[in-house]
């Protein structure tokens, strides 16, 4: 494998009048919003400036008190940008780019040069998500923890994690009704109602959302329906939240454009031209049930218990490009499909937070245990015959019928991952200036993957791993700090398609240093420099007619990031970022473990 070099460098800044509602440039033309409340209340979600996060320490903490870069996209930013997808929600965050979305059917995010679809880096309310689309109408804000986060959250990429925080039931009666019309022949609407159930601290929330439009290319239809009821009890020392979300979706399976092999650039065709067929689409539904309980034990200790069950099932069809003749413009396509895909996950988390003074030193303590069981099954893998004759410059659609031929050797794909983790973290407040952070996780996980009729297990292994996290914070002033940190990550290697036995897991480590400021009622900013190394990266190579899976050795990503958000004046808000990322393969040896 040849070493590759990737460089991302872009400035992004947005200046918006405070409280404005900026519609998406090409999707939403007209929007009507009706909001009702039983009394006037302060809009606590109207600010661009974040001060705290729950993702960096698994409990609410000031951004200044976490020795890693954390970015928060507040509710007001999401409203002003009219974000409907995760890509749109993360548009203003540094070091974030889109990964392989499987033809637009999956969330896929690269963080600091690392990431892919289904890489385990997406969380909802602090719980790992297996869903195809995670930014739904129930999303209230988005938090991004940069760098390795395995000590807190278990297996994952070293680039970071993305945590999507949901809207909660409220004890104040509110009704939000919204409708929109699209320039792409369609539109949608949303009803969001919340309020108290009696006077005993019980609240409800009911959200229903539907969006349906034509696809932005020359054919295709998009449809998404969400129904999400939830209840929450606010007791004197206990809160309990039970939430359910059901979503049905139809998404075009669009593999994008064609690269000219002679120039290395996209072919010269209209940007809205598709090269597949009208049956290219993914249809499915997903469900999530979440139970969360927080109990204050006394003025020093509190505990959190969370359980989540998630399920996603879908089928897809595609006419897949396999070969392109640049001289003639003829594209060879193959009709493929996947029927009866089912993913499910059950997750249990228990944490205990303490605020303890030992001598002159304050300790912010975190103890936790979590268990995850992930199951993925892909039933019929349908494979057609590659057929040429499609001219990309003069396309004629409808000439390639969908295939119905099931490939027995590729069907019944399974991947099972079970993991159990125990972790502890201590943040020591030495004095008004210095803080030290140290944490350690022990994780045990089992991986099994394979395919075929009869079934053949190509991956079967068990692993154990200790993962540390350390950091130091120096407060320059009450509103600014310097920090440095070291953290590690791990992720099990598995292959459904090829025999790998038990390859060692991917391992990552990161050094980071930076500075943060949080000017009251003005600007929050973070400047970070990082150096991340990932080892044991699994790659597939074709040798003759055989596909061989091995590890590529070592991949390194270095860069600098600047993020800022807040307001310049009482009527002008700002959110912006700049990032430079240099990611490359530095060692190709298979002996790196």
Protein backbone atom coordinates (compact mmCIF):
# COMPACT_ATOMS: atom_id res chain seq x y z
CA UNK A 1 0.00 0.00 0.00
CA UNK A 2 1.42 3.37 -0.98
CA UNK A 3 1.70 6.05 1.65
CA UNK A 4 -0.95 8.67 1.20
CA UNK A 5 -1.03 12.31 2.15
CA UNK A 6 -4.18 14.15 3.10
CA UNK A 7 -4.31 17.81 3.93
CA UNK A 8 -7.40 19.73 4.94
CA UNK A 9 -7.18 23.46 5.35
CA UNK A 10 -10.22 25.67 5.40
CA UNK A 11 -11.56 28.72 7.18
CA UNK A 12 -15.21 28.82 8.14
CA UNK A 13 -16.97 31.67 9.83
CA UNK A 14 -20.61 32.55 10.17
CA UNK A 15 -22.00 35.87 11.32
CA UNK A 16 -25.72 35.87 11.99
CA UNK A 17 -28.10 38.32 13.62
CA UNK A 18 -28.98 37.00 17.06
CA UNK A 19 -32.11 34.87 16.93
CA UNK A 20 -32.37 34.83 13.14
CA UNK A 21 -33.70 31.77 11.34
CA UNK A 22 -31.53 31.04 8.31
CA UNK A 23 -33.13 28.53 5.97
CA UNK A 24 -31.11 25.98 4.04
CA UNK A 25 -29.98 27.51 0.77
CA UNK A 26 -31.53 24.96 -1.54
CA UNK A 27 -33.90 22.76 0.44
CA UNK A 28 -36.27 24.98 2.39
CA UNK A 29 -37.86 27.95 0.70
CA UNK A 30 -40.74 28.89 2.99
CA UNK A 31 -41.13 28.11 6.69
CA UNK A 32 -44.05 28.83 9.01
CA UNK A 33 -43.52 28.48 12.77
CA UNK A 34 -46.13 28.74 15.53
CA UNK A 35 -44.95 28.58 19.16
CA UNK A 36 -47.15 28.73 22.28
CA UNK A 37 -46.20 28.79 25.95
CA UNK A 38 -48.43 29.15 28.99
CA UNK A 39 -46.21 31.89 30.36
CA UNK A 40 -43.29 34.05 29.36
CA UNK A 41 -39.98 32.33 30.04
CA UNK A 42 -36.39 33.26 29.40
CA UNK A 43 -35.01 31.54 26.32
CA UNK A 44 -31.99 29.81 27.80
CA UNK A 45 -31.20 28.26 24.43
CA UNK A 46 -30.79 31.52 22.49
CA UNK A 47 -27.02 31.86 22.89
CA UNK A 48 -24.23 30.85 20.52
CA UNK A 49 -21.78 30.70 23.44
CA UNK A 50 -21.32 27.31 25.14
CA UNK A 51 -19.90 27.20 28.67
CA UNK A 52 -20.31 23.57 29.75
CA UNK A 53 -20.35 20.06 28.32
CA UNK A 54 -21.34 16.61 29.58
CA UNK A 55 -19.20 14.69 27.07
CA UNK A 56 -15.66 15.51 28.22
CA UNK A 57 -15.99 13.97 31.69
CA UNK A 58 -19.36 12.08 31.56
CA UNK A 59 -20.79 14.70 33.87
CA UNK A 60 -21.48 18.40 33.46
CA UNK A 61 -18.21 20.36 33.53
CA UNK A 62 -16.92 23.72 32.36
CA UNK A 63 -15.13 23.62 29.01
CA UNK A 64 -12.19 25.32 30.73
CA UNK A 65 -11.85 22.33 33.08
CA UNK A 66 -11.38 19.61 30.43
CA UNK A 67 -7.83 19.04 29.04
CA UNK A 68 -9.03 18.19 25.53
CA UNK A 69 -10.73 20.21 22.82
CA UNK A 70 -14.52 20.14 23.10
CA UNK A 71 -16.87 21.80 20.64
CA UNK A 72 -20.54 22.41 21.35
CA UNK A 73 -23.17 23.29 18.74
CA UNK A 74 -25.91 24.98 20.82
CA UNK A 75 -29.64 24.83 20.03
CA UNK A 76 -29.72 28.37 18.64
CA UNK A 77 -27.04 27.54 16.05
CA UNK A 78 -28.98 24.47 14.94
CA UNK A 79 -32.13 26.56 14.60
CA UNK A 80 -30.43 29.37 12.69
CA UNK A 81 -28.73 26.95 10.30
CA UNK A 82 -31.95 24.90 9.93
CA UNK A 83 -29.85 21.74 10.34
CA UNK A 84 -31.63 18.51 9.35
CA UNK A 85 -28.58 16.20 9.08
CA UNK A 86 -25.45 15.55 11.11
CA UNK A 87 -23.27 17.02 8.35
CA UNK A 88 -25.23 20.27 8.54
CA UNK A 89 -25.07 20.30 12.34
CA UNK A 90 -21.26 19.92 12.32
CA UNK A 91 -20.68 22.43 9.52
CA UNK A 92 -19.02 24.98 11.81
CA UNK A 93 -16.74 22.57 13.73
CA UNK A 94 -13.02 22.36 12.96
CA UNK A 95 -11.34 19.13 11.87
CA UNK A 96 -14.61 17.54 10.72
CA UNK A 97 -15.16 16.22 7.18
CA UNK A 98 -17.51 13.71 5.61
CA UNK A 99 -16.37 10.10 5.29
CA UNK A 100 -17.83 7.33 3.11
CA UNK A 101 -21.58 7.59 3.71
CA UNK A 102 -22.38 4.44 1.68
CA UNK A 103 -24.14 6.40 -1.01
CA UNK A 104 -25.69 8.87 1.41
CA UNK A 105 -27.38 6.21 3.54
CA UNK A 106 -25.22 6.35 6.71
CA UNK A 107 -23.76 9.01 8.99
CA UNK A 108 -19.99 9.00 8.44
CA UNK A 109 -17.61 11.56 9.93
CA UNK A 110 -13.83 11.97 9.81
CA UNK A 111 -12.45 13.54 12.99
CA UNK A 112 -8.86 14.79 12.88
CA UNK A 113 -8.14 12.51 9.92
CA UNK A 114 -9.75 9.35 11.35
CA UNK A 115 -13.21 7.89 10.93
CA UNK A 116 -15.65 6.01 8.74
CA UNK A 117 -19.26 4.88 8.71
CA UNK A 118 -20.23 2.60 11.60
CA UNK A 119 -16.94 3.31 13.40
CA UNK A 120 -18.53 3.53 16.87
CA UNK A 121 -17.87 7.25 17.33
CA UNK A 122 -21.49 8.45 17.33
CA UNK A 123 -23.37 8.69 20.63
CA UNK A 124 -26.83 9.79 21.66
CA UNK A 125 -27.16 11.09 25.21
CA UNK A 126 -23.81 9.50 26.05
CA UNK A 127 -24.79 6.06 24.71
CA UNK A 128 -23.18 4.56 21.61
CA UNK A 129 -25.54 4.51 18.63
CA UNK A 130 -25.87 1.94 15.82
CA UNK A 131 -28.48 3.93 13.89
CA UNK A 132 -27.93 4.94 10.27
CA UNK A 133 -29.04 8.53 10.87
CA UNK A 134 -28.42 9.98 14.33
CA UNK A 135 -29.26 13.67 14.04
CA UNK A 136 -33.04 13.49 14.14
CA UNK A 137 -35.78 16.04 14.95
CA UNK A 138 -35.38 15.10 18.64
CA UNK A 139 -31.80 16.47 18.71
CA UNK A 140 -31.26 19.58 20.84
CA UNK A 141 -27.50 20.15 20.64
CA UNK A 142 -24.31 18.40 19.53
CA UNK A 143 -21.07 18.00 21.48
CA UNK A 144 -17.74 16.90 19.96
CA UNK A 145 -14.89 15.58 22.13
CA UNK A 146 -11.69 15.70 20.06
CA UNK A 147 -8.97 13.07 20.41
CA UNK A 148 -9.09 9.54 21.87
CA UNK A 149 -12.03 8.95 24.22
CA UNK A 150 -11.75 5.21 24.91
CA UNK A 151 -11.07 5.72 28.61
CA UNK A 152 -14.55 7.20 29.00
CA UNK A 153 -16.52 5.49 26.23
CA UNK A 154 -14.72 2.28 25.26
CA UNK A 155 -13.75 1.18 21.77
CA UNK A 156 -13.48 3.83 19.08
CA UNK A 157 -11.35 5.85 16.68
CA UNK A 158 -8.62 8.17 18.06
CA UNK A 159 -10.11 11.20 16.30
CA UNK A 160 -12.89 11.70 18.85
CA UNK A 161 -16.56 11.11 19.58
CA UNK A 162 -19.74 12.99 18.67
CA UNK A 163 -22.50 13.10 21.29
CA UNK A 164 -25.99 14.19 20.23
CA UNK A 165 -28.09 15.46 23.15
CA UNK A 166 -31.86 14.96 22.96
CA UNK A 167 -34.70 17.30 23.84
CA UNK A 168 -36.18 16.56 27.26
CA UNK A 169 -39.72 16.84 28.63
CA UNK A 170 -40.29 20.15 30.44
CA UNK A 171 -42.50 21.18 33.34
CA UNK A 172 -43.61 24.30 31.44
CA UNK A 173 -46.35 23.83 28.83
CA UNK A 174 -45.03 24.58 25.33
CA UNK A 175 -46.27 23.87 21.83
CA UNK A 176 -44.18 24.26 18.69
CA UNK A 177 -45.74 23.81 15.24
CA UNK A 178 -43.59 24.23 12.16
CA UNK A 179 -44.15 23.70 8.45
CA UNK A 180 -41.92 24.15 5.43
CA UNK A 181 -42.05 23.96 1.67
CA UNK A 182 -39.13 22.82 -0.47
CA UNK A 183 -37.98 23.90 -3.90
CA UNK A 184 -37.54 20.17 -4.58
CA UNK A 185 -41.26 19.41 -4.88
CA UNK A 186 -42.24 18.69 -1.33
CA UNK A 187 -41.90 19.82 2.24
CA UNK A 188 -42.78 18.77 5.73
CA UNK A 189 -43.93 19.71 9.17
CA UNK A 190 -43.32 19.19 12.85
CA UNK A 191 -45.41 19.25 16.02
CA UNK A 192 -43.52 19.34 19.33
CA UNK A 193 -45.58 19.50 22.54
CA UNK A 194 -44.27 19.32 26.10
CA UNK A 195 -45.63 20.08 29.55
CA UNK A 196 -46.47 18.77 33.03
CA UNK A 197 -48.61 15.75 33.87
CA UNK A 198 -50.21 16.83 37.12
CA UNK A 199 -48.29 18.60 39.86
CA UNK A 200 -46.04 15.76 41.05
CA UNK A 201 -42.97 16.56 38.92
CA UNK A 202 -43.95 14.36 35.97
CA UNK A 203 -43.56 15.84 32.46
CA UNK A 204 -44.17 14.57 28.93
CA UNK A 205 -42.98 15.39 25.44
CA UNK A 206 -44.46 14.31 22.12
CA UNK A 207 -42.72 15.09 18.83
CA UNK A 208 -43.97 14.13 15.37
CA UNK A 209 -42.02 15.12 12.25
CA UNK A 210 -42.42 14.33 8.55
CA UNK A 211 -40.22 15.47 5.66
CA UNK A 212 -40.57 14.38 2.03
CA UNK A 213 -38.98 15.91 -1.07
CA UNK A 214 -37.53 15.00 -4.44
CA UNK A 215 -33.80 14.27 -4.45
CA UNK A 216 -31.51 17.11 -5.50
CA UNK A 217 -30.20 15.12 -8.47
CA UNK A 218 -32.22 14.32 -11.59
CA UNK A 219 -34.33 11.58 -9.95
CA UNK A 220 -35.04 10.02 -6.57
CA UNK A 221 -37.28 10.67 -3.59
CA UNK A 222 -36.39 11.27 0.09
CA UNK A 223 -38.80 10.59 2.93
CA UNK A 224 -38.41 10.56 6.71
CA UNK A 225 -41.04 10.22 9.44
CA UNK A 226 -40.24 10.45 13.15
CA UNK A 227 -42.48 9.77 16.15
CA UNK A 228 -40.88 10.33 19.57
CA UNK A 229 -42.81 10.26 22.87
CA UNK A 230 -40.97 10.63 26.19
CA UNK A 231 -41.72 11.16 29.87
CA UNK A 232 -39.53 12.46 32.68
CA UNK A 233 -39.95 12.62 36.44
CA UNK A 234 -38.26 15.44 38.34
CA UNK A 235 -38.06 14.31 41.96
CA UNK A 236 -36.38 16.03 44.89
CA UNK A 237 -33.19 13.99 44.52
CA UNK A 238 -33.98 11.74 41.55
CA UNK A 239 -34.75 12.24 37.87
CA UNK A 240 -35.97 9.46 35.59
CA UNK A 241 -36.36 9.74 31.81
CA UNK A 242 -37.97 7.18 29.52
CA UNK A 243 -37.83 7.94 25.79
CA UNK A 244 -38.87 6.11 22.65
CA UNK A 245 -38.10 7.12 19.07
CA UNK A 246 -39.38 5.49 15.89
CA UNK A 247 -38.23 6.56 12.45
CA UNK A 248 -39.07 5.35 8.95
CA UNK A 249 -36.95 6.43 6.02
CA UNK A 250 -36.49 6.26 2.26
CA UNK A 251 -33.08 7.46 1.05
CA UNK A 252 -31.61 7.49 -2.48
CA UNK A 253 -28.58 5.19 -2.71
CA UNK A 254 -26.36 7.59 -4.63
CA UNK A 255 -22.70 6.64 -5.10
CA UNK A 256 -21.90 10.07 -6.51
CA UNK A 257 -19.87 11.02 -9.53
CA UNK A 258 -17.27 9.18 -11.64
CA UNK A 259 -13.55 9.93 -11.56
CA UNK A 260 -11.77 10.11 -14.92
CA UNK A 261 -8.79 7.72 -14.57
CA UNK A 262 -6.75 9.80 -17.03
CA UNK A 263 -7.07 13.10 -15.16
CA UNK A 264 -7.90 12.01 -11.63
CA UNK A 265 -10.76 14.52 -11.63
CA UNK A 266 -14.55 14.15 -11.75
CA UNK A 267 -16.01 13.65 -15.21
CA UNK A 268 -17.40 16.72 -16.96
CA UNK A 269 -21.13 16.15 -16.58
CA UNK A 270 -23.90 18.16 -14.90
CA UNK A 271 -23.60 17.94 -11.11
CA UNK A 272 -27.18 16.70 -10.75
CA UNK A 273 -26.76 13.76 -13.15
CA UNK A 274 -26.97 10.28 -11.65
CA UNK A 275 -25.23 7.24 -13.13
CA UNK A 276 -27.41 4.53 -11.57
CA UNK A 277 -31.09 3.60 -11.84
CA UNK A 278 -34.40 4.64 -10.31
CA UNK A 279 -34.40 1.63 -7.99
CA UNK A 280 -31.24 2.85 -6.23
CA UNK A 281 -32.62 3.43 -2.72
CA UNK A 282 -32.51 2.32 0.89
CA UNK A 283 -35.76 1.68 2.77
CA UNK A 284 -35.90 0.99 6.45
CA UNK A 285 -36.98 1.85 9.97
CA UNK A 286 -35.21 2.27 13.29
CA UNK A 287 -36.28 2.27 16.94
CA UNK A 288 -34.55 3.42 20.10
CA UNK A 289 -35.67 3.00 23.71
CA UNK A 290 -33.71 4.85 26.40
CA UNK A 291 -34.06 4.74 30.17
CA UNK A 292 -31.91 7.12 32.24
CA UNK A 293 -31.96 7.66 35.99
CA UNK A 294 -29.90 10.14 38.01
CA UNK A 295 -29.95 10.10 41.80
CA UNK A 296 -28.32 12.56 44.17
CA UNK A 297 -27.09 10.52 47.12
CA UNK A 298 -25.97 13.52 49.19
CA UNK A 299 -24.33 16.89 48.62
CA UNK A 300 -21.11 15.11 47.51
CA UNK A 301 -22.16 12.03 45.55
CA UNK A 302 -24.55 11.19 42.73
CA UNK A 303 -25.14 8.13 40.55
CA UNK A 304 -26.36 7.62 36.98
CA UNK A 305 -27.90 4.50 35.47
CA UNK A 306 -28.68 4.21 31.75
CA UNK A 307 -30.10 1.47 29.55
CA UNK A 308 -30.62 1.60 25.81
CA UNK A 309 -32.07 -0.77 23.25
CA UNK A 310 -31.68 0.18 19.59
CA UNK A 311 -32.76 -1.57 16.41
CA UNK A 312 -32.31 -0.72 12.74
CA UNK A 313 -33.52 -2.75 9.77
CA UNK A 314 -33.40 -1.95 6.08
CA UNK A 315 -33.01 -3.25 2.54
CA UNK A 316 -31.25 -1.54 -0.35
CA UNK A 317 -30.90 -1.78 -4.11
CA UNK A 318 -28.26 -0.28 -6.38
CA UNK A 319 -26.81 -0.24 -9.88
CA UNK A 320 -23.14 0.00 -8.94
CA UNK A 321 -20.45 1.42 -11.22
CA UNK A 322 -17.59 -1.07 -11.67
CA UNK A 323 -15.59 0.19 -14.67
CA UNK A 324 -15.35 3.37 -16.75
CA UNK A 325 -13.93 3.84 -20.26
CA UNK A 326 -12.79 7.46 -20.40
CA UNK A 327 -12.28 7.36 -24.17
CA UNK A 328 -15.86 6.34 -24.99
CA UNK A 329 -17.71 7.53 -21.89
CA UNK A 330 -19.14 4.04 -21.40
CA UNK A 331 -19.79 2.97 -17.83
CA UNK A 332 -20.05 -0.66 -16.73
CA UNK A 333 -22.62 -1.21 -13.97
CA UNK A 334 -23.65 -4.15 -11.82
CA UNK A 335 -27.07 -4.52 -10.15
CA UNK A 336 -26.58 -5.47 -6.48
CA UNK A 337 -28.85 -5.48 -3.45
CA UNK A 338 -28.94 -6.33 0.24
CA UNK A 339 -32.14 -7.71 1.73
CA UNK A 340 -33.08 -8.07 5.38
CA UNK A 341 -30.36 -6.14 7.20
CA UNK A 342 -30.88 -6.11 10.96
CA UNK A 343 -28.76 -4.38 13.58
CA UNK A 344 -29.47 -4.19 17.28
CA UNK A 345 -27.61 -3.12 20.39
CA UNK A 346 -28.22 -3.28 24.12
CA UNK A 347 -26.15 -1.06 26.40
CA UNK A 348 -26.05 -0.64 30.17
CA UNK A 349 -24.05 2.08 31.94
CA UNK A 350 -23.61 2.81 35.64
CA UNK A 351 -21.51 5.72 36.94
CA UNK A 352 -20.81 7.23 40.34
CA UNK A 353 -19.60 10.83 40.67
CA UNK A 354 -18.03 12.23 43.81
CA UNK A 355 -16.83 15.64 45.00
CA UNK A 356 -14.40 14.93 47.84
CA UNK A 357 -11.88 17.03 49.76
CA UNK A 358 -8.84 15.16 51.04
CA UNK A 359 -6.63 17.56 52.91
CA UNK A 360 -6.18 20.68 50.83
CA UNK A 361 -6.90 18.92 47.54
CA UNK A 362 -10.35 18.61 45.97
CA UNK A 363 -11.05 15.42 44.00
CA UNK A 364 -13.70 15.17 41.28
CA UNK A 365 -14.14 11.39 41.17
CA UNK A 366 -15.74 9.20 38.51
CA UNK A 367 -16.29 5.45 38.80
CA UNK A 368 -18.11 3.50 36.11
CA UNK A 369 -18.97 0.21 34.48
CA UNK A 370 -20.59 -0.40 31.09
CA UNK A 371 -21.66 -3.35 28.98
CA UNK A 372 -22.46 -3.42 25.25
CA UNK A 373 -23.85 -6.18 23.04
CA UNK A 374 -23.97 -5.34 19.31
CA UNK A 375 -25.46 -7.66 16.69
CA UNK A 376 -25.47 -7.12 12.91
CA UNK A 377 -27.03 -9.50 10.36
CA UNK A 378 -27.28 -9.11 6.58
CA UNK A 379 -29.53 -11.72 4.99
CA UNK A 380 -29.70 -12.10 1.21
CA UNK A 381 -26.75 -10.59 -0.66
CA UNK A 382 -28.02 -10.20 -4.22
CA UNK A 383 -25.44 -10.03 -7.00
CA UNK A 384 -26.12 -9.33 -10.67
CA UNK A 385 -24.03 -9.43 -13.83
CA UNK A 386 -21.87 -6.45 -14.79
CA UNK A 387 -23.21 -4.84 -17.96
CA UNK A 388 -21.67 -2.11 -20.12
CA UNK A 389 -23.39 0.25 -22.56
CA UNK A 390 -24.36 3.15 -20.27
CA UNK A 391 -23.05 6.42 -21.75
CA UNK A 392 -22.55 9.00 -19.00
CA UNK A 393 -22.70 11.86 -21.54
CA UNK A 394 -25.95 10.64 -23.10
CA UNK A 395 -27.60 8.52 -20.39
CA UNK A 396 -30.54 6.25 -21.08
CA UNK A 397 -32.08 4.91 -17.88
CA UNK A 398 -34.12 1.75 -17.42
CA UNK A 399 -31.84 -0.56 -19.41
CA UNK A 400 -30.41 -2.42 -16.38
CA UNK A 401 -33.05 -4.32 -14.40
CA UNK A 402 -32.60 -5.01 -10.71
CA UNK A 403 -31.05 -8.37 -9.92
CA UNK A 404 -32.78 -11.19 -8.05
CA UNK A 405 -29.86 -13.65 -7.90
CA UNK A 406 -28.85 -14.46 -4.31
CA UNK A 407 -25.17 -15.19 -3.70
CA UNK A 408 -25.09 -17.95 -1.07
CA UNK A 409 -21.38 -17.52 -0.29
CA UNK A 410 -21.88 -13.81 0.49
CA UNK A 411 -25.20 -14.04 2.36
CA UNK A 412 -25.98 -14.37 6.07
CA UNK A 413 -23.26 -11.95 7.12
CA UNK A 414 -22.92 -11.64 10.89
CA UNK A 415 -20.88 -9.48 13.21
CA UNK A 416 -21.20 -9.75 17.00
CA UNK A 417 -19.30 -7.59 19.49
CA UNK A 418 -19.60 -7.88 23.27
CA UNK A 419 -17.63 -5.60 25.57
CA UNK A 420 -17.43 -4.94 29.30
CA UNK A 421 -15.55 -2.00 30.74
CA UNK A 422 -14.59 -0.69 34.18
CA UNK A 423 -13.16 2.80 34.55
CA UNK A 424 -12.09 5.33 37.15
CA UNK A 425 -11.07 8.97 36.80
CA UNK A 426 -9.88 11.62 39.25
CA UNK A 427 -9.56 15.35 38.62
CA UNK A 428 -7.39 16.88 41.34
CA UNK A 429 -7.85 20.60 42.05
CA UNK A 430 -4.47 21.36 43.61
CA UNK A 431 -5.20 25.07 44.03
CA UNK A 432 -6.87 27.95 42.20
CA UNK A 433 -4.44 27.54 39.28
CA UNK A 434 -3.57 23.88 38.80
CA UNK A 435 -5.67 20.82 37.99
CA UNK A 436 -4.46 17.30 37.24
CA UNK A 437 -6.57 14.62 35.56
CA UNK A 438 -5.90 10.90 35.52
CA UNK A 439 -8.06 8.01 34.40
CA UNK A 440 -7.83 4.32 33.59
CA UNK A 441 -10.18 1.83 31.90
CA UNK A 442 -10.03 -1.94 31.75
CA UNK A 443 -11.96 -3.35 28.80
CA UNK A 444 -12.70 -6.91 27.77
CA UNK A 445 -14.32 -7.62 24.41
CA UNK A 446 -15.23 -10.57 22.19
CA UNK A 447 -15.58 -10.29 18.41
CA UNK A 448 -17.10 -12.76 15.95
CA UNK A 449 -17.74 -12.11 12.25
CA UNK A 450 -18.31 -14.19 9.15
CA UNK A 451 -20.64 -15.05 6.29
CA UNK A 452 -21.90 -17.72 3.93
CA UNK A 453 -24.36 -20.57 3.56
CA UNK A 454 -23.05 -22.63 5.31
CA UNK A 455 -21.72 -20.00 7.71
CA UNK A 456 -17.94 -19.54 8.06
CA UNK A 457 -16.52 -17.44 10.91
CA UNK A 458 -13.68 -15.33 9.51
CA UNK A 459 -13.04 -13.43 12.76
CA UNK A 460 -13.17 -14.92 16.22
CA UNK A 461 -11.19 -13.39 19.03
CA UNK A 462 -11.17 -12.10 22.60
CA UNK A 463 -9.11 -9.17 23.85
CA UNK A 464 -8.32 -7.26 27.02
CA UNK A 465 -7.01 -3.72 27.18
CA UNK A 466 -5.94 -1.10 29.72
CA UNK A 467 -6.52 2.44 28.47
CA UNK A 468 -5.14 5.51 30.29
CA UNK A 469 -5.97 9.21 30.10
CA UNK A 470 -3.95 12.03 31.68
CA UNK A 471 -4.07 15.80 31.56
CA UNK A 472 -3.00 19.01 33.24
CA UNK A 473 -4.77 22.39 33.31
CA UNK A 474 -3.31 25.73 34.33
CA UNK A 475 -5.78 28.59 34.84
CA UNK A 476 -4.29 31.85 33.59
CA UNK A 477 -7.35 33.77 34.77
CA UNK A 478 -10.85 32.73 35.87
CA UNK A 479 -11.82 32.91 32.18
CA UNK A 480 -8.80 31.36 30.43
CA UNK A 481 -6.61 28.28 30.74
CA UNK A 482 -3.73 26.33 29.22
CA UNK A 483 -3.87 22.54 29.00
CA UNK A 484 -1.94 19.47 27.86
CA UNK A 485 -3.10 15.86 27.68
CA UNK A 486 -2.25 12.32 26.67
CA UNK A 487 -4.93 9.76 25.84
CA UNK A 488 -5.29 6.40 24.12
CA UNK A 489 -7.88 4.52 22.05
CA UNK A 490 -8.58 1.00 20.87
CA UNK A 491 -10.92 -0.61 18.38
CA UNK A 492 -11.30 -4.34 17.58
CA UNK A 493 -10.40 -5.47 14.07
CA UNK A 494 -12.92 -7.75 12.39
CA UNK A 495 -13.66 -8.90 8.86
CA UNK A 496 -16.84 -10.48 7.57
CA UNK A 497 -15.40 -11.15 4.12
CA UNK A 498 -11.91 -12.62 4.60
CA UNK A 499 -10.29 -15.05 7.01
CA UNK A 500 -8.22 -13.09 9.54
CA UNK A 501 -8.58 -15.23 12.65
CA UNK A 502 -7.73 -12.90 15.51
CA UNK A 503 -5.84 -9.80 14.40
CA UNK A 504 -4.76 -7.43 17.17
CA UNK A 505 -7.03 -4.41 17.71
CA UNK A 506 -6.33 -0.95 16.33
CA UNK A 507 -4.49 1.13 18.92
CA UNK A 508 -4.21 4.89 19.04
CA UNK A 509 -2.56 7.50 21.21
CA UNK A 510 -2.60 11.28 21.15
CA UNK A 511 -0.66 14.21 22.55
CA UNK A 512 -2.57 17.48 22.68
CA UNK A 513 -1.92 20.95 24.01
CA UNK A 514 -3.91 24.14 23.75
CA UNK A 515 -5.55 27.13 25.31
CA UNK A 516 -9.17 28.05 26.06
CA UNK A 517 -10.99 31.28 26.83
CA UNK A 518 -14.54 31.85 28.02
CA UNK A 519 -15.38 35.55 28.15
CA UNK A 520 -18.70 36.04 29.96
CA UNK A 521 -21.55 36.99 27.67
CA UNK A 522 -19.18 37.26 24.68
CA UNK A 523 -16.86 34.61 23.17
CA UNK A 524 -15.77 31.05 23.92
CA UNK A 525 -12.70 29.90 21.98
CA UNK A 526 -10.29 26.96 21.85
CA UNK A 527 -6.89 26.64 20.14
CA UNK A 528 -5.46 23.10 19.97
CA UNK A 529 -2.38 21.39 18.56
CA UNK A 530 -2.43 17.60 18.31
CA UNK A 531 -0.34 14.61 17.26
CA UNK A 532 -2.21 11.31 16.87
CA UNK A 533 -0.79 7.90 15.92
CA UNK A 534 -2.89 4.83 15.10
CA UNK A 535 -1.40 1.34 14.73
CA UNK A 536 -2.65 -2.02 13.43
CA UNK A 537 -4.88 -0.48 10.75
CA UNK A 538 -6.65 -3.26 8.84
CA UNK A 539 -6.54 -3.11 5.02
CA UNK A 540 -7.58 -5.47 2.21
CA UNK A 541 -5.20 -6.23 -0.64
CA UNK A 542 -5.79 -8.27 -3.79
CA UNK A 543 -3.02 -10.74 -4.55
CA UNK A 544 -3.83 -12.60 -7.74
CA UNK A 545 -7.49 -13.52 -7.41
CA UNK A 546 -7.40 -13.63 -3.63
CA UNK A 547 -8.22 -10.88 -1.13
CA UNK A 548 -5.82 -10.81 1.80
CA UNK A 549 -6.43 -8.81 4.97
CA UNK A 550 -3.52 -7.46 7.00
CA UNK A 551 -2.54 -4.50 9.15
CA UNK A 552 -0.89 -1.49 7.50
CA UNK A 553 1.31 -0.54 10.42
CA UNK A 554 1.11 3.06 11.54
CA UNK A 555 -0.95 6.10 10.50
CA UNK A 556 -0.21 9.57 11.86
CA UNK A 557 -2.29 12.74 11.98
CA UNK A 558 -0.99 16.13 13.11
CA UNK A 559 -2.69 19.48 13.03
CA UNK A 560 -3.93 22.69 14.53
CA UNK A 561 -7.52 23.76 15.18
CA UNK A 562 -9.20 27.00 16.18
CA UNK A 563 -12.87 27.23 17.17
CA UNK A 564 -14.84 30.18 18.47
CA UNK A 565 -18.47 30.92 19.21
CA UNK A 566 -20.44 33.64 20.92
CA UNK A 567 -21.50 37.16 20.10
CA UNK A 568 -19.69 40.28 18.95
CA UNK A 569 -22.47 42.64 19.93
CA UNK A 570 -25.90 42.28 21.48
CA UNK A 571 -27.36 41.72 18.01
CA UNK A 572 -24.54 39.95 16.11
CA UNK A 573 -23.54 36.32 16.84
CA UNK A 574 -20.51 34.42 15.59
CA UNK A 575 -19.49 30.80 15.16
CA UNK A 576 -16.40 29.84 13.19
CA UNK A 577 -13.42 27.54 12.91
CA UNK A 578 -10.14 26.87 11.14
CA UNK A 579 -8.31 23.56 10.86
CA UNK A 580 -5.15 22.21 9.29
CA UNK A 581 -4.81 18.42 9.35
CA UNK A 582 -1.91 16.39 7.93
CA UNK A 583 -2.70 12.65 7.96
CA UNK A 584 -0.50 10.00 6.34
CA UNK A 585 0.67 6.40 6.48
CA UNK A 586 4.13 6.45 8.05
CA UNK A 587 4.88 2.72 8.58
CA UNK A 588 3.59 -0.14 6.42
CA UNK A 589 5.12 -3.05 8.32
CA UNK A 590 2.72 -5.78 9.42
CA UNK A 591 4.88 -6.37 12.47
CA UNK A 592 3.74 -3.23 14.30
CA UNK A 593 1.66 -4.36 17.28
